[in-house]
Amino acid sequence: MRFFVRNAILCLAFLSGLLAFVLPGSAAEIVKYRNDHYGCTLKIDGVIQKGDADKFAALITDLSRTDDFYLSLDRSGSRNLPWTDKTAKARERHHRICLNSKGGSYVEALKMVDIITDQFGTVIERGNRCESACAILFMAGSFASESDVGTIPDRYLHALGKLGFHAPDLLVPEGDYARDTVSKAYRLAISSISSLHAKSSQLRFGRDLFQAFLKTSPEDMFYIQTTGQAAIWKIDIVGTVYPANLSAIEASRACQNLSMYMDQFGDVIGSGVTKEPYYLNPNLASWPKKRPYFPTVKSEKQQNGDVSYELEGYRQEGASTCSFNFKTKSIDLLPRALGLNGSASMDGGGYGSWLGLLPYHLFPFDTALVSIAATRDGIVEIREMPQIAVTENSKTKGTCRVVSRGRLTDEEPCERHRYSFVDQTLQEEATSSYEWPSGNKTVVSQKPNNAGIQINGSPAGWPEDNLKPSILKSWYEWGDCTLNKRSGNVFCFQEVL
């Protein structure tokens, strides 16, 4: 009995996987499988149990003796990929595993990770789920490029599939245990987490995702739900609609996806976008506490179905340029479910400075994956996109003041409603409406293309120092101040901190 209890306490598993484990007939099936649409030649379906790693390895060894295992895959989706020749050949030979599992043994999953890494890609098909221990298998999907690029992630989640993470659970049966027994169980738990962390760099397991994985209790589940989460953590989304228009807005989204991806995996930081960890709340706006950064268009080219942009102002001090290219004619080649449609690259090089693009990269970062799912696989479905991108929609309380001929004539509490957006050329238009207690409003607007600033429809600008009251050393003491060039009055709004 003592031997059983000691081994039971040392057993690590994901809670959801354990619950499924005790159900009769719920063990994982690891079988030969064929889905040419996603390139799957194997499938793992069910709860991961002790011994599955050996069963998995034995199946691969057995199948590798037959030529049809390597010749069965329809590789039409591999053409036109923008890799080096060696990398393309590696991808051409590559196989994928379709996954459908609620979890299981964490320790067994770590063993299977070693088999999958560099050898197999992973796919979660429409309507399937991969949770808990299965999510670790999914992140292992990759292939060796046979070039200096090294290991390349190869993992695909259908927009209507589910990918969920949570921390492993230490299963402790009822009973009293000696300090040494509990201590050993704790050390094993830490060792197992450490083993995954050691593999995280090779698996391109983003640091924020790893933190979310550890912070989510075994009773809960953290799901990948938005395009932003998927892009930043290199979880490619398939089975989506295509955007009907390709403007600088879509190009900027792809480039910002690349920049955030570099922050997760590269050596350089400073993307020009908020550093607010995206995993904290998938329902947050793209930039929850900071106005988004938009670059400037350096060049634009459209030729033979190719749309290209060069956008300036990324990374540290805005010194980097992002090159965007998307092949609209490649849509005609579908079904080509896993073929890339374009690329975004950041000057300066280094790992992570290139990103292969799929349609989901072009949607706003807080777009729910289920909202862009195509009605069925293997078809081309086009969806109209908004012609603007909202950059701010906020309300702020503060103090409004009016200065006339150097004298303060009005000072009252008020509320600012700021709304701004960029158009298809990345020109920003902003309107700030200030509501006084009386219900009257002062409106300050900034038009694109150097059209200037207006206040209540009159030309406006920054007030000169000779117009300020004597009690002020600088207009900055009263926040944002705007001169009405027609009346000569100065309006100021000071935010309440």
Protein backbone atom coordinates (compact mmCIF):
# COMPACT_ATOMS: atom_id res chain seq x y z
CA MET A 1 0.00 0.00 0.00
CA ARG A 2 2.83 2.39 0.86
CA PHE A 3 4.36 1.80 -2.59
CA PHE A 4 1.02 2.58 -4.29
CA VAL A 5 0.43 5.78 -2.33
CA ARG A 6 3.95 7.05 -2.91
CA ASN A 7 3.68 6.51 -6.64
CA ALA A 8 0.20 8.01 -6.79
CA ILE A 9 1.34 11.22 -5.21
CA LEU A 10 4.20 11.46 -7.66
CA CYS A 11 1.85 11.21 -10.62
CA LEU A 12 1.48 14.49 -12.50
CA ALA A 13 -1.48 14.98 -14.78
CA PHE A 14 -3.77 17.68 -16.00
CA LEU A 15 -7.04 17.62 -14.05
CA SER A 16 -9.30 17.54 -17.09
CA GLY A 17 -7.19 14.75 -18.52
CA LEU A 18 -7.52 12.74 -15.31
CA LEU A 19 -11.29 13.01 -15.30
CA ALA A 20 -11.42 11.73 -18.85
CA PHE A 21 -8.94 8.98 -17.95
CA VAL A 22 -11.28 7.25 -15.54
CA LEU A 23 -14.09 7.02 -18.11
CA PRO A 24 -14.25 3.61 -19.84
CA GLY A 25 -13.25 3.63 -23.47
CA SER A 26 -11.75 7.13 -23.33
CA ALA A 27 -8.10 6.21 -23.94
CA ALA A 28 -6.31 7.98 -26.78
CA GLU A 29 -6.22 6.39 -30.22
CA ILE A 30 -2.99 7.03 -32.12
CA VAL A 31 -3.64 5.95 -35.66
CA LYS A 32 -2.72 6.46 -39.28
CA TYR A 33 -4.97 9.17 -40.68
CA ARG A 34 -5.40 11.12 -43.86
CA ASN A 35 -6.54 14.71 -44.25
CA ASP A 36 -4.97 16.14 -47.40
CA HIS A 37 -6.54 19.53 -46.76
CA TYR A 38 -4.34 20.04 -43.70
CA GLY A 39 -1.61 17.54 -44.47
CA CYS A 40 -2.32 15.16 -41.58
CA THR A 41 -1.05 11.61 -41.86
CA LEU A 42 -1.55 10.68 -38.17
CA LYS A 43 -4.16 11.49 -35.55
CA ILE A 44 -4.18 11.45 -31.74
CA ASP A 45 -7.77 11.26 -30.52
CA GLY A 46 -8.67 10.85 -26.84
CA VAL A 47 -7.01 11.15 -23.44
CA ILE A 48 -3.21 10.87 -23.22
CA GLN A 49 -2.18 8.06 -20.88
CA LYS A 50 0.95 6.42 -19.58
CA GLY A 51 2.51 4.34 -22.35
CA ASP A 52 1.18 6.49 -25.20
CA ALA A 53 4.65 7.86 -25.98
CA ASP A 54 5.93 4.31 -26.54
CA LYS A 55 2.83 3.48 -28.60
CA PHE A 56 3.34 6.65 -30.65
CA ALA A 57 7.03 5.89 -31.29
CA ALA A 58 6.26 2.29 -32.24
CA LEU A 59 3.60 3.38 -34.75
CA ILE A 60 5.98 5.82 -36.43
CA THR A 61 8.71 3.16 -36.59
CA ASP A 62 6.28 0.69 -38.13
CA LEU A 63 4.87 3.15 -40.67
CA SER A 64 8.30 4.43 -41.66
CA ARG A 65 9.05 1.02 -43.14
CA THR A 66 6.35 1.55 -45.77
CA ASP A 67 6.85 3.86 -48.73
CA ASP A 68 3.18 4.85 -48.91
CA PHE A 69 3.47 6.66 -45.56
CA TYR A 70 5.87 9.15 -47.15
CA LEU A 71 4.16 9.26 -50.53
CA SER A 72 0.53 9.56 -49.37
CA LEU A 73 0.49 13.27 -48.59
CA ASP A 74 -0.97 15.63 -51.19
CA ARG A 75 1.66 18.38 -51.09
CA SER A 76 0.03 20.84 -53.49
CA GLY A 77 -0.14 23.32 -50.62
CA SER A 78 3.65 23.48 -50.36
CA ARG A 79 4.34 25.24 -53.64
CA ASN A 80 5.13 28.94 -53.83
CA LEU A 81 6.29 29.13 -50.22
CA PRO A 82 8.87 31.90 -49.71
CA TRP A 83 11.57 29.77 -48.11
CA THR A 84 15.04 28.84 -49.26
CA ASP A 85 15.25 25.73 -51.41
CA LYS A 86 16.46 23.64 -48.50
CA THR A 87 13.65 24.82 -46.28
CA ALA A 88 11.06 24.18 -48.96
CA LYS A 89 12.34 20.62 -49.36
CA ALA A 90 12.14 20.10 -45.60
CA ARG A 91 8.56 21.32 -45.56
CA GLU A 92 7.76 19.18 -48.62
CA ARG A 93 8.71 16.03 -46.70
CA HIS A 94 6.92 17.17 -43.59
CA HIS A 95 3.98 15.35 -42.00
CA ARG A 96 1.38 16.66 -39.59
CA ILE A 97 -0.60 15.17 -36.73
CA CYS A 98 -4.25 16.10 -36.23
CA LEU A 99 -5.10 16.43 -32.53
CA ASN A 100 -8.39 15.99 -30.69
CA SER A 101 -7.92 15.52 -26.95
CA LYS A 102 -9.08 16.99 -23.64
CA GLY A 103 -5.69 16.29 -22.09
CA GLY A 104 -4.21 13.55 -19.94
CA SER A 105 -0.82 12.80 -18.49
CA TYR A 106 1.52 15.79 -18.44
CA VAL A 107 4.59 13.60 -17.99
CA GLU A 108 3.60 11.44 -20.97
CA ALA A 109 2.95 14.54 -23.08
CA LEU A 110 6.49 15.77 -22.40
CA LYS A 111 7.85 12.47 -23.74
CA MET A 112 5.74 12.82 -26.88
CA VAL A 113 6.97 16.39 -27.37
CA ASP A 114 10.46 15.02 -27.96
CA ILE A 115 9.11 12.81 -30.75
CA ILE A 116 7.06 15.54 -32.43
CA THR A 117 9.59 18.40 -32.35
CA ASP A 118 11.31 18.93 -35.73
CA GLN A 119 9.48 15.90 -37.17
CA PHE A 120 5.76 16.70 -37.28
CA GLY A 121 3.48 19.67 -37.60
CA THR A 122 0.28 19.81 -35.58
CA VAL A 123 -3.30 20.68 -36.56
CA ILE A 124 -6.57 21.19 -34.67
CA GLU A 125 -9.35 20.65 -37.19
CA ARG A 126 -12.75 22.34 -37.40
CA GLY A 127 -14.85 21.43 -34.35
CA ASN A 128 -11.99 19.60 -32.59
CA ARG A 129 -10.32 20.58 -29.35
CA CYS A 130 -6.85 20.27 -27.87
CA GLU A 131 -6.68 21.14 -24.19
CA SER A 132 -4.43 20.68 -21.20
CA ALA A 133 -1.66 18.15 -21.92
CA CYS A 134 -2.69 18.08 -25.58
CA ALA A 135 -1.89 21.81 -25.87
CA ILE A 136 1.75 20.99 -25.06
CA LEU A 137 1.79 18.52 -27.96
CA PHE A 138 0.29 21.17 -30.23
CA MET A 139 3.03 23.69 -29.40
CA ALA A 140 5.66 21.10 -30.33
CA GLY A 141 4.53 21.11 -33.97
CA SER A 142 7.59 22.13 -35.98
CA PHE A 143 10.07 21.08 -38.62
CA ALA A 144 13.81 21.43 -39.05
CA SER A 145 14.45 23.84 -41.90
CA GLU A 146 17.85 22.32 -42.75
CA SER A 147 19.15 25.89 -42.92
CA ASP A 148 20.47 28.49 -40.49
CA VAL A 149 16.82 29.37 -39.68
CA GLY A 150 16.71 26.26 -37.50
CA THR A 151 13.44 24.93 -36.09
CA ILE A 152 10.31 26.52 -37.59
CA PRO A 153 6.92 26.35 -35.83
CA ASP A 154 4.35 24.39 -37.83
CA ARG A 155 1.09 24.46 -35.87
CA TYR A 156 -2.37 25.29 -37.16
CA LEU A 157 -5.59 25.96 -35.28
CA HIS A 158 -8.89 26.05 -37.13
CA ALA A 159 -10.93 29.19 -36.37
CA LEU A 160 -13.65 26.86 -35.03
CA GLY A 161 -11.26 24.62 -33.11
CA LYS A 162 -10.34 25.02 -29.44
CA LEU A 163 -6.85 25.31 -27.96
CA GLY A 164 -6.74 25.56 -24.16
CA PHE A 165 -3.94 25.82 -21.58
CA HIS A 166 -3.73 25.44 -17.82
CA ALA A 167 -1.13 24.57 -15.21
CA PRO A 168 -0.53 20.89 -14.38
CA ASP A 169 -2.16 19.50 -11.26
CA LEU A 170 -0.34 17.55 -8.56
CA LEU A 171 -2.68 14.68 -7.69
CA VAL A 172 -2.63 13.90 -3.97
CA PRO A 173 -4.89 11.03 -2.81
CA GLU A 174 -6.54 11.23 0.61
CA GLY A 175 -4.17 10.39 3.44
CA ASP A 176 -1.36 11.61 5.68
CA TYR A 177 2.11 11.80 4.17
CA ALA A 178 5.58 12.21 5.58
CA ARG A 179 7.48 15.42 4.85
CA ASP A 180 9.97 13.57 2.60
CA THR A 181 7.17 12.15 0.44
CA VAL A 182 5.55 15.54 -0.09
CA SER A 183 8.94 17.15 -0.71
CA LYS A 184 9.75 14.62 -3.42
CA ALA A 185 6.38 15.19 -5.08
CA TYR A 186 6.98 18.94 -5.05
CA ARG A 187 10.46 18.55 -6.55
CA LEU A 188 9.07 16.35 -9.31
CA ALA A 189 6.42 18.95 -10.10
CA ILE A 190 9.05 21.72 -10.31
CA SER A 191 11.32 19.48 -12.38
CA SER A 192 8.54 18.74 -14.87
CA ILE A 193 7.73 22.45 -15.30
CA SER A 194 11.43 23.15 -15.66
CA SER A 195 11.69 20.53 -18.39
CA LEU A 196 8.99 22.26 -20.41
CA HIS A 197 10.54 25.67 -19.81
CA ALA A 198 13.86 24.34 -21.09
CA LYS A 199 12.11 23.32 -24.31
CA SER A 200 10.11 26.56 -24.60
CA SER A 201 12.71 28.39 -26.69
CA GLN A 202 12.96 25.58 -29.23
CA LEU A 203 9.17 25.24 -29.29
CA ARG A 204 8.75 29.01 -29.75
CA PHE A 205 6.53 28.95 -26.67
CA GLY A 206 6.05 32.70 -26.12
CA ARG A 207 6.99 33.99 -22.69
CA ASP A 208 3.59 35.61 -22.07
CA LEU A 209 1.78 32.44 -23.13
CA PHE A 210 4.01 30.39 -20.82
CA GLN A 211 3.11 32.77 -17.99
CA ALA A 212 -0.60 32.44 -18.79
CA PHE A 213 -0.16 28.64 -18.81
CA LEU A 214 1.33 28.71 -15.30
CA LYS A 215 -1.16 31.24 -13.92
CA THR A 216 -4.27 29.34 -15.04
CA SER A 217 -5.37 26.90 -12.33
CA PRO A 218 -6.08 23.23 -13.20
CA GLU A 219 -9.79 23.93 -12.65
CA ASP A 220 -9.83 26.63 -15.34
CA MET A 221 -8.79 26.87 -18.98
CA PHE A 222 -7.09 29.65 -20.94
CA TYR A 223 -8.25 29.53 -24.56
CA ILE A 224 -6.75 31.16 -27.62
CA GLN A 225 -9.67 33.30 -28.74
CA THR A 226 -8.44 36.27 -30.78
CA THR A 227 -6.35 36.98 -33.86
CA GLY A 228 -3.93 39.01 -31.73
CA GLN A 229 -3.24 36.15 -29.33
CA ALA A 230 -2.69 33.74 -32.20
CA ALA A 231 -0.36 36.08 -34.09
CA ILE A 232 1.85 37.08 -31.19
CA TRP A 233 2.37 33.45 -30.14
CA LYS A 234 2.81 32.01 -33.68
CA ILE A 235 -0.33 29.88 -33.64
CA ASP A 236 -1.45 30.06 -37.24
CA ILE A 237 -5.19 30.21 -37.85
CA VAL A 238 -6.81 28.45 -40.81
CA GLY A 239 -10.38 28.05 -42.04
CA THR A 240 -10.99 31.81 -42.14
CA VAL A 241 -12.54 34.26 -44.55
CA TYR A 242 -10.39 36.60 -46.65
CA PRO A 243 -10.54 40.40 -46.31
CA ALA A 244 -12.04 42.01 -49.41
CA ASN A 245 -9.69 45.00 -49.37
CA LEU A 246 -5.95 45.33 -48.85
CA SER A 247 -4.94 48.83 -47.79
CA ALA A 248 -2.16 50.28 -45.64
CA ILE A 249 -4.34 49.52 -42.61
CA GLU A 250 -4.14 45.76 -43.25
CA ALA A 251 -0.40 46.07 -43.98
CA SER A 252 0.14 47.91 -40.67
CA ARG A 253 -1.70 45.17 -38.77
CA ALA A 254 0.53 42.51 -40.30
CA CYS A 255 3.65 44.54 -39.47
CA GLN A 256 2.54 45.14 -35.89
CA ASN A 257 1.86 41.40 -35.54
CA LEU A 258 5.45 40.82 -36.66
CA SER A 259 6.80 43.43 -34.26
CA MET A 260 4.96 41.92 -31.28
CA TYR A 261 6.11 38.46 -32.34
CA MET A 262 9.71 39.74 -32.31
CA ASP A 263 9.16 41.00 -28.77
CA GLN A 264 8.16 37.48 -27.71
CA PHE A 265 10.98 35.59 -29.42
CA GLY A 266 13.61 38.02 -30.69
CA ASP A 267 16.48 39.87 -29.07
CA VAL A 268 15.24 43.41 -29.73
CA ILE A 269 12.42 45.10 -27.83
CA GLY A 270 10.44 48.23 -28.52
CA SER A 271 7.68 47.56 -31.01
CA GLY A 272 6.04 50.95 -30.87
CA VAL A 273 2.86 49.36 -29.48
CA THR A 274 1.69 48.84 -25.94
CA LYS A 275 3.58 46.42 -23.73
CA GLU A 276 0.36 45.51 -21.89
CA PRO A 277 0.46 41.66 -21.81
CA TYR A 278 -2.15 40.55 -24.30
CA TYR A 279 -2.94 37.31 -22.48
CA LEU A 280 -4.45 39.08 -19.45
CA ASN A 281 -7.86 39.50 -21.05
CA PRO A 282 -8.70 38.41 -24.61
CA ASN A 283 -11.65 40.80 -24.67
CA LEU A 284 -9.57 43.91 -24.17
CA ALA A 285 -9.21 46.36 -27.02
CA SER A 286 -6.00 46.01 -29.00
CA TRP A 287 -4.27 48.61 -26.83
CA PRO A 288 -6.12 48.78 -23.51
CA LYS A 289 -4.19 51.59 -21.82
CA LYS A 290 -2.27 53.30 -24.58
CA ARG A 291 -3.15 54.83 -27.92
CA PRO A 292 -1.91 52.66 -30.79
CA TYR A 293 1.05 53.56 -32.89
CA PHE A 294 0.63 53.83 -36.64
CA PRO A 295 3.59 54.13 -39.02
CA THR A 296 3.88 56.22 -42.16
CA VAL A 297 3.67 54.88 -45.71
CA LYS A 298 7.03 55.02 -47.46
CA SER A 299 5.97 53.30 -50.66
CA GLU A 300 3.05 51.41 -52.17
CA LYS A 301 2.89 49.10 -55.16
CA GLN A 302 0.18 46.97 -56.73
CA GLN A 303 1.07 44.80 -59.69
CA ASN A 304 -0.20 41.49 -61.10
CA GLY A 305 -2.22 40.73 -57.99
CA ASP A 306 0.65 41.51 -55.59
CA VAL A 307 0.08 44.26 -53.02
CA SER A 308 3.23 45.70 -51.44
CA TYR A 309 3.88 48.39 -48.84
CA GLU A 310 6.91 49.77 -47.07
CA LEU A 311 5.96 51.26 -43.71
CA GLU A 312 8.36 53.36 -41.65
CA GLY A 313 8.51 53.95 -37.90
CA TYR A 314 8.78 50.58 -36.14
CA ARG A 315 10.82 49.16 -33.27
CA GLN A 316 13.23 51.17 -31.15
CA GLU A 317 12.97 54.92 -31.78
CA GLY A 318 10.86 54.17 -34.84
CA ALA A 319 14.01 53.42 -36.82
CA SER A 320 12.89 50.23 -38.57
CA THR A 321 10.99 49.75 -41.83
CA CYS A 322 8.55 46.91 -42.38
CA SER A 323 8.09 45.43 -45.87
CA PHE A 324 4.67 43.90 -46.54
CA ASN A 325 3.70 41.74 -49.50
CA PHE A 326 0.47 39.85 -50.08
CA LYS A 327 -0.47 37.80 -53.13
CA THR A 328 -4.16 38.23 -53.82
CA LYS A 329 -4.02 35.91 -56.83
CA SER A 330 -3.02 33.03 -54.55
CA ILE A 331 -6.64 32.97 -53.40
CA ASP A 332 -7.45 31.36 -56.74
CA LEU A 333 -5.20 28.40 -55.85
CA LEU A 334 -7.39 27.24 -52.96
CA PRO A 335 -7.94 24.74 -51.52
CA ARG A 336 -4.39 25.32 -50.37
CA ALA A 337 -5.20 25.44 -46.71
CA LEU A 338 -1.69 25.84 -45.33
CA GLY A 339 -0.09 27.75 -48.18
CA LEU A 340 1.18 31.20 -47.19
CA ASN A 341 -0.32 34.21 -48.92
CA GLY A 342 2.44 36.70 -48.25
CA SER A 343 5.06 37.96 -45.84
CA ALA A 344 6.08 40.81 -43.57
CA SER A 345 9.73 41.48 -42.79
CA MET A 346 11.52 43.97 -40.54
CA ASP A 347 14.87 45.42 -41.55
CA GLY A 348 17.76 44.58 -39.25
CA GLY A 349 17.41 40.80 -39.64
CA GLY A 350 17.75 38.30 -36.82
CA TYR A 351 15.41 35.51 -35.80
CA GLY A 352 11.77 36.44 -35.92
CA SER A 353 12.24 39.37 -38.32
CA TRP A 354 10.23 37.55 -41.02
CA LEU A 355 6.62 36.41 -40.76
CA GLY A 356 4.69 34.30 -43.24
CA LEU A 357 1.19 35.72 -43.60
CA LEU A 358 -2.23 34.12 -43.62
CA PRO A 359 -5.52 36.04 -43.90
CA TYR A 360 -6.06 36.22 -40.12
CA HIS A 361 -2.98 38.46 -39.77
CA LEU A 362 -4.87 41.25 -41.56
CA PHE A 363 -7.80 41.51 -39.15
CA PRO A 364 -7.90 43.74 -36.04
CA PHE A 365 -6.06 42.21 -33.08
CA ASP A 366 -9.14 41.84 -30.90
CA THR A 367 -11.15 39.98 -33.57
CA ALA A 368 -12.72 36.81 -32.20
CA LEU A 369 -11.55 33.77 -34.19
CA VAL A 370 -15.05 32.33 -34.39
CA SER A 371 -16.25 35.55 -36.06
CA ILE A 372 -13.97 35.12 -39.11
CA ALA A 373 -14.53 31.39 -39.66
CA ALA A 374 -15.49 30.42 -43.20
CA THR A 375 -18.80 28.62 -43.58
CA ARG A 376 -16.96 25.49 -44.70
CA ASP A 377 -13.42 24.40 -45.53
CA GLY A 378 -12.00 24.42 -49.03
CA ILE A 379 -13.86 27.48 -50.30
CA VAL A 380 -12.91 31.11 -50.88
CA GLU A 381 -15.09 33.37 -48.78
CA ILE A 382 -14.56 37.14 -48.94
CA ARG A 383 -15.61 39.58 -46.22
CA GLU A 384 -15.75 43.36 -46.40
CA MET A 385 -13.50 45.16 -43.92
CA PRO A 386 -14.00 48.56 -42.23
CA GLN A 387 -12.38 51.32 -44.28
CA ILE A 388 -11.01 52.94 -41.12
CA ALA A 389 -9.23 51.74 -38.00
CA VAL A 390 -10.33 53.28 -34.70
CA THR A 391 -7.30 54.36 -32.68
CA GLU A 392 -9.06 55.79 -29.64
CA ASN A 393 -12.57 56.00 -28.21
CA SER A 394 -12.28 57.26 -24.66
CA LYS A 395 -13.88 59.50 -22.03
CA THR A 396 -11.84 61.49 -19.51
CA LYS A 397 -12.88 63.83 -16.70
CA GLY A 398 -11.04 67.07 -16.16
CA THR A 399 -11.23 70.87 -15.92
CA CYS A 400 -12.12 73.14 -18.82
CA ARG A 401 -10.91 76.75 -18.91
CA VAL A 402 -11.35 79.69 -21.25
CA VAL A 403 -8.86 82.58 -21.41
CA SER A 404 -9.75 85.84 -23.16
CA ARG A 405 -7.13 88.59 -23.65
CA GLY A 406 -4.89 87.14 -20.94
CA ARG A 407 -7.70 86.81 -18.38
CA LEU A 408 -9.36 83.60 -17.11
CA THR A 409 -13.07 83.99 -17.91
CA ASP A 410 -14.43 80.48 -17.28
CA GLU A 411 -13.30 77.45 -15.24
CA GLU A 412 -15.54 74.43 -14.67
CA PRO A 413 -15.37 70.62 -14.42
CA CYS A 414 -16.03 68.90 -17.75
CA GLU A 415 -15.66 65.62 -19.61
CA ARG A 416 -13.69 64.94 -22.78
CA HIS A 417 -14.83 62.34 -25.30
CA ARG A 418 -11.98 61.63 -27.71
CA TYR A 419 -12.57 59.65 -30.90
CA SER A 420 -9.86 59.11 -33.50
CA PHE A 421 -9.20 56.84 -36.46
CA VAL A 422 -6.85 56.36 -39.38
CA ASP A 423 -7.97 56.02 -42.97
CA GLN A 424 -6.67 53.64 -45.63
CA THR A 425 -3.55 55.78 -46.14
CA LEU A 426 -2.81 55.79 -42.37
CA GLN A 427 -3.72 59.48 -42.06
CA GLU A 428 -5.25 60.16 -38.65
CA GLU A 429 -8.39 62.18 -37.96
CA ALA A 430 -9.27 62.99 -34.36
CA THR A 431 -12.15 64.75 -32.63
CA SER A 432 -12.25 65.76 -28.96
CA SER A 433 -15.63 66.91 -27.67
CA TYR A 434 -15.63 68.66 -24.29
CA GLU A 435 -18.99 68.75 -22.47
CA TRP A 436 -19.55 71.54 -19.92
CA PRO A 437 -21.95 71.20 -16.95
CA SER A 438 -24.48 73.29 -18.89
CA GLY A 439 -24.54 70.70 -21.67
CA ASN A 440 -22.74 72.95 -24.14
CA LYS A 441 -19.80 71.47 -26.02
CA THR A 442 -16.44 72.68 -27.24
CA VAL A 443 -15.20 70.61 -30.18
CA VAL A 444 -11.56 70.41 -31.27
CA SER A 445 -10.88 68.44 -34.46
CA GLN A 446 -7.75 67.51 -36.37
CA LYS A 447 -8.11 66.69 -40.04
CA PRO A 448 -5.72 64.48 -42.09
CA ASN A 449 -3.39 65.59 -44.90
CA ASN A 450 -2.20 68.68 -43.01
CA ALA A 451 -5.66 70.21 -43.19
CA GLY A 452 -5.05 71.69 -39.76
CA ILE A 453 -6.84 71.98 -36.44
CA GLN A 454 -10.26 73.52 -35.86
CA ILE A 455 -12.12 74.55 -32.72
CA ASN A 456 -15.88 74.85 -33.06
CA GLY A 457 -15.40 75.07 -36.83
CA SER A 458 -12.87 77.95 -36.69
CA PRO A 459 -9.16 77.73 -37.55
CA ALA A 460 -7.08 76.87 -34.50
CA GLY A 461 -3.50 76.54 -33.36
CA TRP A 462 -1.16 76.60 -30.37
CA PRO A 463 -1.43 79.80 -28.25
CA GLU A 464 1.56 82.12 -27.92
CA ASP A 465 2.98 82.85 -24.46
CA ASN A 466 1.97 86.50 -24.63
CA LEU A 467 -1.69 85.41 -24.44
CA LYS A 468 -1.41 83.48 -21.15
CA PRO A 469 -2.56 84.82 -17.77
CA SER A 470 0.14 86.18 -15.50
CA ILE A 471 -0.46 83.33 -13.01
CA LEU A 472 0.94 80.83 -15.52
CA LYS A 473 4.59 80.21 -16.37
CA SER A 474 3.58 78.02 -19.31
CA TRP A 475 0.38 76.91 -21.02
CA TYR A 476 1.40 73.32 -20.21
CA GLU A 477 0.34 73.94 -16.59
CA TRP A 478 -3.27 73.83 -17.81
CA GLY A 479 -2.88 70.77 -20.01
CA ASP A 480 -3.91 70.84 -23.68
CA CYS A 481 -4.59 74.39 -24.86
CA THR A 482 -5.96 75.49 -28.24
CA LEU A 483 -6.18 79.01 -29.69
CA ASN A 484 -9.29 80.03 -31.62
CA LYS A 485 -7.67 82.17 -34.32
CA ARG A 486 -10.95 83.83 -35.16
CA SER A 487 -12.03 84.97 -31.66
CA GLY A 488 -8.59 85.12 -30.03
CA ASN A 489 -9.81 83.05 -27.07
CA VAL A 490 -7.81 80.12 -25.69
CA PHE A 491 -9.49 76.89 -24.57
CA CYS A 492 -7.63 74.53 -22.18
CA PHE A 493 -8.43 71.06 -20.86
CA GLN A 494 -6.56 69.66 -17.87
CA GLU A 495 -7.10 65.98 -17.10
CA VAL A 496 -7.91 64.99 -13.52
CA LEU A 497 -5.16 62.66 -12.36
